[in-house]
PDB file of N, CA and C in Angstrom:
ATOM      1  N   UNK A   1       8.730 -11.061   9.646  1.00  0.00           N
ATOM      2  CA  UNK A   1       8.554 -10.168   9.078  1.00  0.00           C
ATOM      3  C   UNK A   1       8.684  -9.207  10.447  1.00  0.00           C
ATOM      4  N   UNK A   2      10.092  -8.092   9.754  1.00  0.00           N
ATOM      5  CA  UNK A   2       9.515  -7.247  11.014  1.00  0.00           C
ATOM      6  C   UNK A   2       8.540  -6.251  11.202  1.00  0.00           C
ATOM      7  N   UNK A   3       8.867  -6.284   9.855  1.00  0.00           N
ATOM      8  CA  UNK A   3       7.875  -3.899   9.645  1.00  0.00           C
ATOM      9  C   UNK A   3       6.913  -4.530   8.734  1.00  0.00           C
ATOM     10  N   UNK A   4       5.822  -5.678   8.579  1.00  0.00           N
ATOM     11  CA  UNK A   4       4.919  -5.688   7.465  1.00  0.00           C
ATOM     12  C   UNK A   4       4.452  -5.405   7.151  1.00  0.00           C
ATOM     13  N   UNK A   5       4.409  -4.117   7.583  1.00  0.00           N
ATOM     14  CA  UNK A   5       3.432  -2.608   6.273  1.00  0.00           C
ATOM     15  C   UNK A   5       4.500  -2.337   5.577  1.00  0.00           C
ATOM     16  N   UNK A   6       5.650  -1.859   6.133  1.00  0.00           N
ATOM     17  CA  UNK A   6       6.227  -0.847   5.702  1.00  0.00           C
ATOM     18  C   UNK A   6       6.305  -1.984   4.245  1.00  0.00           C
ATOM     19  N   UNK A   7       7.132  -3.412   4.441  1.00  0.00           N
ATOM     20  CA  UNK A   7       7.064  -4.311   3.626  1.00  0.00           C
ATOM     21  C   UNK A   7       6.648  -4.608   2.173  1.00  0.00           C
ATOM     22  N   UNK A   8       5.137  -4.507   2.914  1.00  0.00           N
ATOM     23  CA  UNK A   8       3.764  -4.376   1.812  1.00  0.00           C
ATOM     24  C   UNK A   8       4.364  -2.739   1.474  1.00  0.00           C
ATOM     25  N   UNK A   9       3.503  -1.767   1.750  1.00  0.00           N
ATOM     26  CA  UNK A   9       4.239  -0.311   1.239  1.00  0.00           C
ATOM     27  C   UNK A   9       5.390  -0.489   0.050  1.00  0.00           C
ATOM     28  N   UNK A  10       5.754  -1.094   0.623  1.00  0.00           N
ATOM     29  CA  UNK A  10       7.181  -1.092  -1.397  1.00  0.00           C
ATOM     30  C   UNK A  10       6.735  -2.304  -1.414  1.00  0.00           C
ATOM     31  N   UNK A  11       5.725  -3.167  -1.662  1.00  0.00           N
ATOM     32  CA  UNK A  11       5.175  -3.816  -2.745  1.00  0.00           C
ATOM     33  C   UNK A  11       4.515  -3.228  -3.854  1.00  0.00           C
ATOM     34  N   UNK A  12       4.161  -2.698  -3.230  1.00  0.00           N
ATOM     35  CA  UNK A  12       1.968  -1.696  -3.918  1.00  0.00           C
ATOM     36  C   UNK A  12       2.755  -0.356  -4.694  1.00  0.00           C
ATOM     37  N   UNK A  13       4.171   0.328  -4.239  1.00  0.00           N
ATOM     38  CA  UNK A  13       4.961   0.645  -4.982  1.00  0.00           C
ATOM     39  C   UNK A  13       5.743   0.252  -5.853  1.00  0.00           C
ATOM     40  N   UNK A  14       6.707  -0.380  -5.713  1.00  0.00           N
ATOM     41  CA  UNK A  14       7.810  -1.154  -6.424  1.00  0.00           C
ATOM     42  C   UNK A  14       7.240  -2.549  -7.489  1.00  0.00           C
ATOM     43  N   UNK A  15       6.069  -3.428  -7.003  1.00  0.00           N
ATOM     44  CA  UNK A  15       6.699  -5.015  -7.178  1.00  0.00           C
ATOM     45  C   UNK A  15       5.789  -5.179  -8.976  1.00  0.00           C
ATOM     46  N   UNK A  16       6.164  -5.698  -9.396  1.00  0.00           N
ATOM     47  CA  UNK A  16       4.838  -5.924 -10.633  1.00  0.00           C
ATOM     48  C   UNK A  16       4.250  -6.973 -10.788  1.00  0.00           C
ATOM     49  N   UNK A  17       3.702  -6.854 -11.922  1.00  0.00           N
ATOM     50  CA  UNK A  17       2.325  -7.137 -11.535  1.00  0.00           C
ATOM     51  C   UNK A  17       2.352  -9.054 -11.199  1.00  0.00           C
ATOM     52  N   UNK A  18       3.893  -9.793 -11.893  1.00  0.00           N
ATOM     53  CA  UNK A  18       3.282 -10.917 -11.415  1.00  0.00           C
ATOM     54  C   UNK A  18       4.275 -11.106  -9.759  1.00  0.00           C
ATOM     55  N   UNK A  19       4.693  -9.954  -9.141  1.00  0.00           N
ATOM     56  CA  UNK A  19       4.898 -10.361  -8.100  1.00  0.00           C
ATOM     57  C   UNK A  19       3.890  -9.671  -7.095  1.00  0.00           C
ATOM     58  N   UNK A  20       2.726  -9.060  -7.394  1.00  0.00           N
ATOM     59  CA  UNK A  20       1.472  -8.893  -6.910  1.00  0.00           C
ATOM     60  C   UNK A  20       0.678  -9.349  -6.937  1.00  0.00           C
ATOM     61  N   UNK A  21       0.667 -10.663  -8.026  1.00  0.00           N
ATOM     62  CA  UNK A  21      -0.190 -11.850  -8.280  1.00  0.00           C
ATOM     63  C   UNK A  21       0.344 -12.666  -6.783  1.00  0.00           C
ATOM     64  N   UNK A  22       1.344 -13.124  -7.272  1.00  0.00           N
ATOM     65  CA  UNK A  22       2.782 -13.536  -6.042  1.00  0.00           C
ATOM     66  C   UNK A  22       1.644 -13.432  -4.865  1.00  0.00           C
ATOM     67  N   UNK A  23       2.382 -12.219  -4.137  1.00  0.00           N
ATOM     68  CA  UNK A  23       1.373 -11.864  -3.255  1.00  0.00           C
ATOM     69  C   UNK A  23       0.237 -11.840  -2.378  1.00  0.00           C
ATOM     70  N   UNK A  24      -1.166 -11.436  -3.465  1.00  0.00           N
ATOM     71  CA  UNK A  24      -2.235 -11.518  -3.248  1.00  0.00           C
ATOM     72  C   UNK A  24      -2.668 -12.505  -2.769  1.00  0.00           C
ATOM     73  N   UNK A  25      -2.078 -13.803  -2.925  1.00  0.00           N
ATOM     74  CA  UNK A  25      -2.266 -15.238  -2.427  1.00  0.00           C
ATOM     75  C   UNK A  25      -2.267 -15.449  -0.678  1.00  0.00           C
ATOM     76  N   UNK A  26      -1.226 -14.356  -0.050  1.00  0.00           N
ATOM     77  CA  UNK A  26      -0.699 -14.653   1.032  1.00  0.00           C
ATOM     78  C   UNK A  26      -2.056 -13.582   1.349  1.00  0.00           C
ATOM     79  N   UNK A  27      -1.686 -12.620   1.029  1.00  0.00           N
ATOM     80  CA  UNK A  27      -2.524 -11.174   1.650  1.00  0.00           C
ATOM     81  C   UNK A  27      -4.483 -10.774   1.235  1.00  0.00           C
ATOM     82  N   UNK A  28      -4.586 -10.851   1.700  1.00  0.00           N
ATOM     83  CA  UNK A  28      -6.550 -10.539   1.905  1.00  0.00           C
ATOM     84  C   UNK A  28      -6.892  -8.854   1.089  1.00  0.00           C
ATOM     85  N   UNK A  29      -8.021  -8.462   0.828  1.00  0.00           N
ATOM     86  CA  UNK A  29      -8.089  -6.943   0.334  1.00  0.00           C
ATOM     87  C   UNK A  29      -7.630  -6.123   2.081  1.00  0.00           C
ATOM     88  N   UNK A  30      -8.660  -6.753   2.379  1.00  0.00           N
ATOM     89  CA  UNK A  30      -8.204  -6.003   3.712  1.00  0.00           C
ATOM     90  C   UNK A  30      -6.725  -6.165   4.878  1.00  0.00           C
ATOM     91  N   UNK A  31      -5.913  -7.254   4.332  1.00  0.00           N
ATOM     92  CA  UNK A  31      -4.672  -6.773   4.667  1.00  0.00           C
ATOM     93  C   UNK A  31      -4.319  -5.954   3.949  1.00  0.00           C
ATOM     94  N   UNK A  32      -4.496  -5.654   2.281  1.00  0.00           N
ATOM     95  CA  UNK A  32      -4.067  -4.491   1.426  1.00  0.00           C
ATOM     96  C   UNK A  32      -4.447  -3.122   2.361  1.00  0.00           C
ATOM     97  N   UNK A  33      -5.416  -2.911   2.145  1.00  0.00           N
ATOM     98  CA  UNK A  33      -5.851  -1.995   3.421  1.00  0.00           C
ATOM     99  C   UNK A  33      -5.746  -1.912   4.284  1.00  0.00           C
ATOM    100  N   UNK A  34      -5.052  -2.258   5.265  1.00  0.00           N
ATOM    101  CA  UNK A  34      -4.758  -2.534   6.461  1.00  0.00           C
ATOM    102  C   UNK A  34      -3.172  -1.746   6.388  1.00  0.00           C
ATOM    103  N   UNK A  35      -2.471  -2.521   5.067  1.00  0.00           N
ATOM    104  CA  UNK A  35      -1.436  -1.745   5.022  1.00  0.00           C
ATOM    105  C   UNK A  35      -1.119  -0.842   4.274  1.00  0.00           C
ATOM    106  N   UNK A  36      -1.796   0.343   3.735  1.00  0.00           N
ATOM    107  CA  UNK A  36      -2.788   0.879   2.891  1.00  0.00           C
ATOM    108  C   UNK A  36      -2.607   1.880   4.544  1.00  0.00           C
ATOM    109  N   UNK A  37      -3.049   1.710   5.274  1.00  0.00           N
ATOM    110  CA  UNK A  37      -4.133   3.072   6.248  1.00  0.00           C
ATOM    111  C   UNK A  37      -2.718   3.429   7.518  1.00  0.00           C
ATOM    112  N   UNK A  38      -1.793   2.240   7.260  1.00  0.00           N
ATOM    113  CA  UNK A  38      -0.355   1.956   8.548  1.00  0.00           C
ATOM    114  C   UNK A  38       0.897   2.142   7.372  1.00  0.00           C
ATOM    115  N   UNK A  39       1.431   2.431   5.972  1.00  0.00           N
ATOM    116  CA  UNK A  39       2.093   3.016   5.652  1.00  0.00           C
ATOM    117  C   UNK A  39       3.028   3.976   5.569  1.00  0.00           C
ATOM    118  N   UNK A  40       4.621   4.053   6.232  1.00  0.00           N
ATOM    119  CA  UNK A  40       5.322   4.381   6.361  1.00  0.00           C
ATOM    120  C   UNK A  40       5.423   5.620   5.550  1.00  0.00           C
ATOM    121  N   UNK A  41       4.890   6.810   5.846  1.00  0.00           N
ATOM    122  CA  UNK A  41       4.816   8.213   4.737  1.00  0.00           C
ATOM    123  C   UNK A  41       6.926   8.214   3.840  1.00  0.00           C
ATOM    124  N   UNK A  42       5.991   8.525   2.951  1.00  0.00           N
ATOM    125  CA  UNK A  42       7.483   8.740   2.095  1.00  0.00           C
ATOM    126  C   UNK A  42       7.536   7.047   1.109  1.00  0.00           C
ATOM    127  N   UNK A  43       6.817   6.479   0.981  1.00  0.00           N
ATOM    128  CA  UNK A  43       7.148   4.687   0.308  1.00  0.00           C
ATOM    129  C   UNK A  43       6.629   5.431  -1.162  1.00  0.00           C
ATOM    130  N   UNK A  44       4.431   4.820  -0.219  1.00  0.00           N
ATOM    131  CA  UNK A  44       4.121   5.237  -2.066  1.00  0.00           C
ATOM    132  C   UNK A  44       4.203   5.470  -2.260  1.00  0.00           C
ATOM    133  N   UNK A  45       4.372   5.963  -3.440  1.00  0.00           N
ATOM    134  CA  UNK A  45       4.453   7.086  -4.757  1.00  0.00           C
ATOM    135  C   UNK A  45       2.503   7.625  -4.737  1.00  0.00           C
ATOM    136  N   UNK A  46       1.820   8.972  -5.061  1.00  0.00           N
ATOM    137  CA  UNK A  46       0.946   9.225  -5.166  1.00  0.00           C
ATOM    138  C   UNK A  46      -0.057   8.461  -5.788  1.00  0.00           C
ATOM    139  N   UNK A  47       0.772   7.656  -7.903  1.00  0.00           N
ATOM    140  CA  UNK A  47       0.089   7.181  -8.858  1.00  0.00           C
ATOM    141  C   UNK A  47       0.276   6.200  -8.462  1.00  0.00           C
ATOM    142  N   UNK A  48       0.304   5.075  -7.338  1.00  0.00           N
ATOM    143  CA  UNK A  48       0.935   4.027  -6.923  1.00  0.00           C
ATOM    144  C   UNK A  48      -0.638   3.773  -5.607  1.00  0.00           C
ATOM    145  N   UNK A  49      -1.030   4.399  -4.999  1.00  0.00           N
ATOM    146  CA  UNK A  49      -1.655   5.749  -3.798  1.00  0.00           C
ATOM    147  C   UNK A  49      -2.768   5.235  -3.642  1.00  0.00           C
ATOM    148  N   UNK A  50      -3.149   6.229  -5.389  1.00  0.00           N
ATOM    149  CA  UNK A  50      -4.556   6.201  -5.941  1.00  0.00           C
ATOM    150  C   UNK A  50      -4.728   4.933  -6.559  1.00  0.00           C
ATOM    151  N   UNK A  51      -3.937   4.521  -7.450  1.00  0.00           N
ATOM    152  CA  UNK A  51      -4.336   2.702  -8.146  1.00  0.00           C
ATOM    153  C   UNK A  51      -4.777   1.887  -7.037  1.00  0.00           C
ATOM    154  N   UNK A  52      -3.507   1.595  -5.736  1.00  0.00           N
ATOM    155  CA  UNK A  52      -4.169   0.770  -5.009  1.00  0.00           C
ATOM    156  C   UNK A  52      -5.579   0.425  -4.547  1.00  0.00           C
ATOM    157  N   UNK A  53      -5.608   2.467  -3.869  1.00  0.00           N
ATOM    158  CA  UNK A  53      -6.926   3.088  -3.265  1.00  0.00           C
ATOM    159  C   UNK A  53      -8.225   2.229  -4.166  1.00  0.00           C
ATOM    160  N   UNK A  54      -7.704   3.086  -4.799  1.00  0.00           N
ATOM    161  CA  UNK A  54      -8.936   2.450  -5.581  1.00  0.00           C
ATOM    162  C   UNK A  54      -8.918   1.093  -6.280  1.00  0.00           C
ATOM    163  N   UNK A  55      -7.771   0.715  -6.159  1.00  0.00           N
ATOM    164  CA  UNK A  55      -8.860  -0.649  -6.751  1.00  0.00           C
ATOM    165  C   UNK A  55      -9.085  -1.922  -5.340  1.00  0.00           C
ATOM    166  N   UNK A  56      -9.078  -0.936  -4.648  1.00  0.00           N
ATOM    167  CA  UNK A  56      -9.501  -2.172  -3.172  1.00  0.00           C
ATOM    168  C   UNK A  56     -10.594  -1.310  -2.826  1.00  0.00           C
ATOM    169  N   UNK A  57     -10.909  -0.323  -3.712  1.00  0.00           N
ATOM    170  CA  UNK A  57     -13.174   0.471  -3.339  1.00  0.00           C
ATOM    171  C   UNK A  57     -12.650   1.091  -1.883  1.00  0.00           C
ATOM    172  N   UNK A  58     -12.436   2.294  -2.226  1.00  0.00           N
ATOM    173  CA  UNK A  58     -11.482   3.148  -1.438  1.00  0.00           C
ATOM    174  C   UNK A  58     -12.069   4.408  -2.472  1.00  0.00           C
ATOM    175  N   UNK A  59     -13.030   5.325  -2.158  1.00  0.00           N
ATOM    176  CA  UNK A  59     -13.866   5.904  -3.193  1.00  0.00           C
ATOM    177  C   UNK A  59     -14.228   7.161  -1.926  1.00  0.00           C
ATOM    178  N   UNK A  60     -13.280   8.261  -2.106  1.00  0.00           N
ATOM    179  CA  UNK A  60     -12.897   8.783  -2.511  1.00  0.00           C
ATOM    180  C   UNK A  60     -11.018   8.817  -1.753  1.00  0.00           C
ATOM    181  N   UNK A  61     -10.479   8.982  -2.232  1.00  0.00           N
ATOM    182  CA  UNK A  61      -9.461   7.766  -1.966  1.00  0.00           C
ATOM    183  C   UNK A  61      -8.394   8.639  -0.557  1.00  0.00           C
ATOM    184  N   UNK A  62      -8.041   8.731   0.348  1.00  0.00           N
ATOM    185  CA  UNK A  62      -7.410   8.763   1.440  1.00  0.00           C
ATOM    186  C   UNK A  62      -6.356  10.077   1.335  1.00  0.00           C
ATOM    187  N   UNK A  63      -5.904  10.934   2.207  1.00  0.00           N
ATOM    188  CA  UNK A  63      -4.963  11.428   1.837  1.00  0.00           C
ATOM    189  C   UNK A  63      -3.166  10.445   1.700  1.00  0.00           C
ATOM    190  N   UNK A  64      -2.255  10.768   1.342  1.00  0.00           N
ATOM    191  CA  UNK A  64      -1.095   9.872   1.788  1.00  0.00           C
ATOM    192  C   UNK A  64      -0.288  10.889   3.382  1.00  0.00           C
ATOM    193  N   UNK A  65      -0.193   9.483   3.442  1.00  0.00           N
ATOM    194  CA  UNK A  65       0.842   9.227   5.077  1.00  0.00           C
ATOM    195  C   UNK A  65       1.745  10.498   4.530  1.00  0.00           C
ATOM    196  N   UNK A  66       2.038  11.219   5.500  1.00  0.00           N
ATOM    197  CA  UNK A  66       2.293  12.961   5.431  1.00  0.00           C
ATOM    198  C   UNK A  66       4.188  12.009   6.471  1.00  0.00           C
ATOM    199  N   UNK A  67       4.735  12.641   5.675  1.00  0.00           N
ATOM    200  CA  UNK A  67       6.242  13.372   6.946  1.00  0.00           C
ATOM    201  C   UNK A  67       5.703  13.998   7.793  1.00  0.00           C
ATOM    202  N   UNK A  68       6.610  13.422   8.728  1.00  0.00           N
ATOM    203  CA  UNK A  68       6.566  14.657   9.884  1.00  0.00           C
ATOM    204  C   UNK A  68       7.968  15.131  10.331  1.00  0.00           C
ATOM    205  N   UNK A  69       7.814  16.699  10.599  1.00  0.00           N
ATOM    206  CA  UNK A  69       9.062  16.764  10.850  1.00  0.00           C
ATOM    207  C   UNK A  69       9.281  17.691  12.395  1.00  0.00           C
ATOM    208  N   UNK A  70      10.213  16.393  13.739  1.00  0.00           N
ATOM    209  CA  UNK A  70       9.342  16.713  14.791  1.00  0.00           C
ATOM    210  C   UNK A  70      10.255  18.128  15.423  1.00  0.00           C
TER     211      UNK A  70
END
């Protein structure tokens, strides 16, 4: 993959439960946390952001990535 963080961000936002079950066979919780830390802005919706951060033990949930206009 040319951009693994982008791929995982889309999975966290849009994959089905079955898709994520399969993906989690290949990715650890630390991998998912790293993907959240490096997620491009605008991919993960607020509900998915809160869900995955909570599921991965991140309390309080960190702020979502923000787009920066130059």
